[in-house]
């Protein structure tokens, strides 16, 4: 039989927060720089800043 594993609300919140941070730091800048070509460094800085801003908007 499979054992049921329950996680607390705090553990779930930490899991969602870490996933969101990973997404905004890795995925958003990569998507923005794909279209930027020569100005990729500017787009990467903008992507990281906007991603961190989105993370700060999440409720704690």
PDB file of N, CA and C in Angstrom:
ATOM      1  N   UNK A   1       0.830  -1.185   0.000  1.00  0.00           N
ATOM      2  CA  UNK A   1       0.000   0.000   0.000  1.00  0.00           C
ATOM      3  C   UNK A   1       0.877   1.251   0.000  1.00  0.00           C
ATOM      4  N   UNK A   2       0.316   2.290  -0.524  1.00  0.00           N
ATOM      5  CA  UNK A   2       1.024   3.560  -0.535  1.00  0.00           C
ATOM      6  C   UNK A   2       0.732   4.316   0.748  1.00  0.00           C
ATOM      7  N   UNK A   3       1.764   4.881   1.317  1.00  0.00           N
ATOM      8  CA  UNK A   3       1.585   5.712   2.508  1.00  0.00           C
ATOM      9  C   UNK A   3       1.248   7.126   2.080  1.00  0.00           C
ATOM     10  N   UNK A   4       0.296   7.722   2.765  1.00  0.00           N
ATOM     11  CA  UNK A   4      -0.049   9.104   2.465  1.00  0.00           C
ATOM     12  C   UNK A   4       0.887  10.023   3.237  1.00  0.00           C
ATOM     13  N   UNK A   5       1.438  10.985   2.517  1.00  0.00           N
ATOM     14  CA  UNK A   5       2.335  11.950   3.136  1.00  0.00           C
ATOM     15  C   UNK A   5       1.667  13.315   3.053  1.00  0.00           C
ATOM     16  N   UNK A   6       1.524  13.961   4.177  1.00  0.00           N
ATOM     17  CA  UNK A   6       0.927  15.290   4.230  1.00  0.00           C
ATOM     18  C   UNK A   6       2.010  16.318   4.521  1.00  0.00           C
ATOM     19  N   UNK A   7       1.888  17.464   3.878  1.00  0.00           N
ATOM     20  CA  UNK A   7       2.819  18.551   4.165  1.00  0.00           C
ATOM     21  C   UNK A   7       2.030  19.693   4.791  1.00  0.00           C
ATOM     22  N   UNK A   8       2.703  20.465   5.574  1.00  0.00           N
ATOM     23  CA  UNK A   8       2.035  21.585   6.239  1.00  0.00           C
ATOM     24  C   UNK A   8       1.896  22.765   5.277  1.00  0.00           C
ATOM     25  N   UNK A   9       1.115  23.738   5.688  1.00  0.00           N
ATOM     26  CA  UNK A   9       0.921  24.937   4.872  1.00  0.00           C
ATOM     27  C   UNK A   9       2.234  25.701   4.709  1.00  0.00           C
ATOM     28  N   UNK A  10       3.046  25.735   5.760  1.00  0.00           N
ATOM     29  CA  UNK A  10       4.332  26.437   5.688  1.00  0.00           C
ATOM     30  C   UNK A  10       5.274  25.751   4.701  1.00  0.00           C
ATOM     31  N   UNK A  11       5.275  24.421   4.700  1.00  0.00           N
ATOM     32  CA  UNK A  11       6.121  23.691   3.757  1.00  0.00           C
ATOM     33  C   UNK A  11       5.658  23.922   2.322  1.00  0.00           C
ATOM     34  N   UNK A  12       4.349  23.944   2.116  1.00  0.00           N
ATOM     35  CA  UNK A  12       3.814  24.194   0.778  1.00  0.00           C
ATOM     36  C   UNK A  12       4.156  25.600   0.308  1.00  0.00           C
ATOM     37  N   UNK A  13       4.056  26.569   1.202  1.00  0.00           N
ATOM     38  CA  UNK A  13       4.383  27.957   0.868  1.00  0.00           C
ATOM     39  C   UNK A  13       5.854  28.072   0.477  1.00  0.00           C
ATOM     40  N   UNK A  14       6.735  27.408   1.217  1.00  0.00           N
ATOM     41  CA  UNK A  14       8.167  27.448   0.886  1.00  0.00           C
ATOM     42  C   UNK A  14       8.427  26.791  -0.464  1.00  0.00           C
ATOM     43  N   UNK A  15       7.745  25.698  -0.740  1.00  0.00           N
ATOM     44  CA  UNK A  15       7.907  24.996  -2.006  1.00  0.00           C
ATOM     45  C   UNK A  15       7.481  25.880  -3.180  1.00  0.00           C
ATOM     46  N   UNK A  16       6.347  26.534  -3.051  1.00  0.00           N
ATOM     47  CA  UNK A  16       5.853  27.413  -4.109  1.00  0.00           C
ATOM     48  C   UNK A  16       6.773  28.618  -4.284  1.00  0.00           C
ATOM     49  N   UNK A  17       7.244  29.185  -3.181  1.00  0.00           N
ATOM     50  CA  UNK A  17       8.145  30.339  -3.250  1.00  0.00           C
ATOM     51  C   UNK A  17       9.443  29.984  -3.956  1.00  0.00           C
ATOM     52  N   UNK A  18      10.046  28.870  -3.588  1.00  0.00           N
ATOM     53  CA  UNK A  18      11.300  28.464  -4.223  1.00  0.00           C
ATOM     54  C   UNK A  18      11.108  28.154  -5.700  1.00  0.00           C
ATOM     55  N   UNK A  19       9.977  27.540  -6.050  1.00  0.00           N
ATOM     56  CA  UNK A  19       9.700  27.273  -7.457  1.00  0.00           C
ATOM     57  C   UNK A  19       9.538  28.578  -8.228  1.00  0.00           C
ATOM     58  N   UNK A  20       8.857  29.544  -7.635  1.00  0.00           N
ATOM     59  CA  UNK A  20       8.656  30.828  -8.298  1.00  0.00           C
ATOM     60  C   UNK A  20       9.972  31.569  -8.490  1.00  0.00           C
ATOM     61  N   UNK A  21      10.818  31.534  -7.484  1.00  0.00           N
ATOM     62  CA  UNK A  21      12.124  32.189  -7.593  1.00  0.00           C
ATOM     63  C   UNK A  21      12.953  31.531  -8.685  1.00  0.00           C
ATOM     64  N   UNK A  22      12.937  30.210  -8.736  1.00  0.00           N
ATOM     65  CA  UNK A  22      13.689  29.497  -9.760  1.00  0.00           C
ATOM     66  C   UNK A  22      13.167  29.882 -11.141  1.00  0.00           C
ATOM     67  N   UNK A  23      11.875  29.944 -11.286  1.00  0.00           N
ATOM     68  CA  UNK A  23      11.299  30.279 -12.587  1.00  0.00           C
ATOM     69  C   UNK A  23      11.681  31.683 -13.017  1.00  0.00           C
ATOM     70  N   UNK A  24      11.597  32.633 -12.090  1.00  0.00           N
ATOM     71  CA  UNK A  24      11.858  34.009 -12.476  1.00  0.00           C
ATOM     72  C   UNK A  24      13.330  34.285 -12.717  1.00  0.00           C
ATOM     73  N   UNK A  25      14.198  33.579 -12.034  1.00  0.00           N
ATOM     74  CA  UNK A  25      15.630  33.833 -12.203  1.00  0.00           C
ATOM     75  C   UNK A  25      16.187  33.092 -13.411  1.00  0.00           C
ATOM     76  N   UNK A  26      15.638  31.937 -13.759  1.00  0.00           N
ATOM     77  CA  UNK A  26      16.180  31.145 -14.858  1.00  0.00           C
ATOM     78  C   UNK A  26      15.386  31.311 -16.142  1.00  0.00           C
ATOM     79  N   UNK A  27      14.075  31.181 -16.078  1.00  0.00           N
ATOM     80  CA  UNK A  27      13.259  31.129 -17.281  1.00  0.00           C
ATOM     81  C   UNK A  27      12.999  32.506 -17.879  1.00  0.00           C
ATOM     82  N   UNK A  28      12.636  33.475 -17.069  1.00  0.00           N
ATOM     83  CA  UNK A  28      12.267  34.799 -17.598  1.00  0.00           C
ATOM     84  C   UNK A  28      13.439  35.461 -18.324  1.00  0.00           C
ATOM     85  N   UNK A  29      14.631  35.546 -17.747  1.00  0.00           N
ATOM     86  CA  UNK A  29      15.735  36.171 -18.495  1.00  0.00           C
ATOM     87  C   UNK A  29      16.091  35.411 -19.775  1.00  0.00           C
ATOM     88  N   UNK A  30      15.989  34.089 -19.754  1.00  0.00           N
ATOM     89  CA  UNK A  30      16.302  33.312 -20.956  1.00  0.00           C
ATOM     90  C   UNK A  30      15.305  33.607 -22.065  1.00  0.00           C
ATOM     91  N   UNK A  31      14.042  33.741 -21.708  1.00  0.00           N
ATOM     92  CA  UNK A  31      13.026  34.037 -22.716  1.00  0.00           C
ATOM     93  C   UNK A  31      13.209  35.440 -23.286  1.00  0.00           C
ATOM     94  N   UNK A  32      13.569  36.377 -22.434  1.00  0.00           N
ATOM     95  CA  UNK A  32      13.755  37.754 -22.906  1.00  0.00           C
ATOM     96  C   UNK A  32      15.006  37.861 -23.775  1.00  0.00           C
ATOM     97  N   UNK A  33      16.088  37.228 -23.394  1.00  0.00           N
ATOM     98  CA  UNK A  33      17.329  37.338 -24.165  1.00  0.00           C
ATOM     99  C   UNK A  33      17.259  36.589 -25.495  1.00  0.00           C
ATOM    100  N   UNK A  34      16.331  35.677 -25.649  1.00  0.00           N
ATOM    101  CA  UNK A  34      16.205  34.965 -26.920  1.00  0.00           C
ATOM    102  C   UNK A  34      15.839  35.926 -28.044  1.00  0.00           C
ATOM    103  N   UNK A  35      15.084  36.963 -27.740  1.00  0.00           N
ATOM    104  CA  UNK A  35      14.692  37.939 -28.754  1.00  0.00           C
ATOM    105  C   UNK A  35      15.625  39.146 -28.818  1.00  0.00           C
ATOM    106  N   UNK A  36      16.492  39.318 -27.853  1.00  0.00           N
ATOM    107  CA  UNK A  36      17.297  40.535 -27.767  1.00  0.00           C
ATOM    108  C   UNK A  36      18.552  40.506 -28.626  1.00  0.00           C
ATOM    109  N   UNK A  37      19.135  39.353 -28.866  1.00  0.00           N
ATOM    110  CA  UNK A  37      20.352  39.171 -29.656  1.00  0.00           C
ATOM    111  C   UNK A  37      21.520  40.012 -29.111  1.00  0.00           C
ATOM    112  N   UNK A  38      21.871  41.121 -29.749  1.00  0.00           N
ATOM    113  CA  UNK A  38      23.064  41.863 -29.357  1.00  0.00           C
ATOM    114  C   UNK A  38      22.912  42.571 -28.010  1.00  0.00           C
ATOM    115  N   UNK A  39      21.717  42.939 -27.656  1.00  0.00           N
ATOM    116  CA  UNK A  39      21.489  43.628 -26.387  1.00  0.00           C
ATOM    117  C   UNK A  39      21.008  42.661 -25.306  1.00  0.00           C
ATOM    118  N   UNK A  40      21.515  41.455 -25.343  1.00  0.00           N
ATOM    119  CA  UNK A  40      21.055  40.420 -24.421  1.00  0.00           C
ATOM    120  C   UNK A  40      21.373  40.767 -22.974  1.00  0.00           C
ATOM    121  N   UNK A  41      22.468  41.447 -22.730  1.00  0.00           N
ATOM    122  CA  UNK A  41      22.816  41.762 -21.342  1.00  0.00           C
ATOM    123  C   UNK A  41      21.821  42.740 -20.733  1.00  0.00           C
ATOM    124  N   UNK A  42      21.314  43.673 -21.528  1.00  0.00           N
ATOM    125  CA  UNK A  42      20.302  44.607 -21.025  1.00  0.00           C
ATOM    126  C   UNK A  42      19.006  43.861 -20.743  1.00  0.00           C
ATOM    127  N   UNK A  43      18.640  42.989 -21.658  1.00  0.00           N
ATOM    128  CA  UNK A  43      17.418  42.210 -21.475  1.00  0.00           C
ATOM    129  C   UNK A  43      17.531  41.270 -20.273  1.00  0.00           C
ATOM    130  N   UNK A  44      18.714  40.714 -20.055  1.00  0.00           N
ATOM    131  CA  UNK A  44      18.910  39.826 -18.908  1.00  0.00           C
ATOM    132  C   UNK A  44      18.758  40.593 -17.600  1.00  0.00           C
ATOM    133  N   UNK A  45      19.333  41.777 -17.529  1.00  0.00           N
ATOM    134  CA  UNK A  45      19.181  42.600 -16.320  1.00  0.00           C
ATOM    135  C   UNK A  45      17.716  42.966 -16.085  1.00  0.00           C
ATOM    136  N   UNK A  46      17.025  43.339 -17.148  1.00  0.00           N
ATOM    137  CA  UNK A  46      15.606  43.668 -17.035  1.00  0.00           C
ATOM    138  C   UNK A  46      14.796  42.449 -16.616  1.00  0.00           C
ATOM    139  N   UNK A  47      15.135  41.293 -17.162  1.00  0.00           N
ATOM    140  CA  UNK A  47      14.418  40.065 -16.820  1.00  0.00           C
ATOM    141  C   UNK A  47      14.600  39.666 -15.369  1.00  0.00           C
ATOM    142  N   UNK A  48      15.808  39.758 -14.871  1.00  0.00           N
ATOM    143  CA  UNK A  48      16.060  39.427 -13.468  1.00  0.00           C
ATOM    144  C   UNK A  48      15.345  40.413 -12.546  1.00  0.00           C
ATOM    145  N   UNK A  49      15.420  41.697 -12.878  1.00  0.00           N
ATOM    146  CA  UNK A  49      14.756  42.707 -12.046  1.00  0.00           C
ATOM    147  C   UNK A  49      13.240  42.506 -12.037  1.00  0.00           C
ATOM    148  N   UNK A  50      12.664  42.241 -13.190  1.00  0.00           N
ATOM    149  CA  UNK A  50      11.218  42.030 -13.230  1.00  0.00           C
ATOM    150  C   UNK A  50      10.833  40.732 -12.542  1.00  0.00           C
ATOM    151  N   UNK A  51      11.653  39.711 -12.648  1.00  0.00           N
ATOM    152  CA  UNK A  51      11.369  38.445 -11.969  1.00  0.00           C
ATOM    153  C   UNK A  51      11.413  38.583 -10.458  1.00  0.00           C
ATOM    154  N   UNK A  52      12.398  39.297  -9.962  1.00  0.00           N
ATOM    155  CA  UNK A  52      12.484  39.516  -8.513  1.00  0.00           C
ATOM    156  C   UNK A  52      11.308  40.364  -8.047  1.00  0.00           C
ATOM    157  N   UNK A  53      10.914  41.318  -8.860  1.00  0.00           N
ATOM    158  CA  UNK A  53       9.738  42.118  -8.519  1.00  0.00           C
ATOM    159  C   UNK A  53       8.480  41.269  -8.423  1.00  0.00           C
ATOM    160  N   UNK A  54       8.329  40.303  -9.320  1.00  0.00           N
ATOM    161  CA  UNK A  54       7.179  39.405  -9.244  1.00  0.00           C
ATOM    162  C   UNK A  54       7.204  38.552  -7.987  1.00  0.00           C
ATOM    163  N   UNK A  55       8.365  38.089  -7.604  1.00  0.00           N
ATOM    164  CA  UNK A  55       8.485  37.276  -6.398  1.00  0.00           C
ATOM    165  C   UNK A  55       8.110  38.101  -5.169  1.00  0.00           C
ATOM    166  N   UNK A  56       8.496  39.356  -5.143  1.00  0.00           N
ATOM    167  CA  UNK A  56       8.183  40.213  -4.000  1.00  0.00           C
ATOM    168  C   UNK A  56       6.688  40.495  -3.884  1.00  0.00           C
ATOM    169  N   UNK A  57       5.955  40.341  -4.974  1.00  0.00           N
ATOM    170  CA  UNK A  57       4.516  40.544  -4.943  1.00  0.00           C
ATOM    171  C   UNK A  57       3.740  39.366  -4.346  1.00  0.00           C
ATOM    172  N   UNK A  58       4.401  38.222  -4.254  1.00  0.00           N
ATOM    173  CA  UNK A  58       3.719  37.050  -3.703  1.00  0.00           C
ATOM    174  C   UNK A  58       3.400  37.265  -2.234  1.00  0.00           C
ATOM    175  N   UNK A  59       2.220  36.841  -1.797  1.00  0.00           N
ATOM    176  CA  UNK A  59       1.881  37.000  -0.358  1.00  0.00           C
ATOM    177  C   UNK A  59       2.723  36.059   0.500  1.00  0.00           C
ATOM    178  N   UNK A  60       3.040  36.497   1.674  1.00  0.00           N
ATOM    179  CA  UNK A  60       3.856  35.682   2.579  1.00  0.00           C
ATOM    180  C   UNK A  60       2.991  34.931   3.519  1.00  0.00           C
TER     181      UNK A  60
END
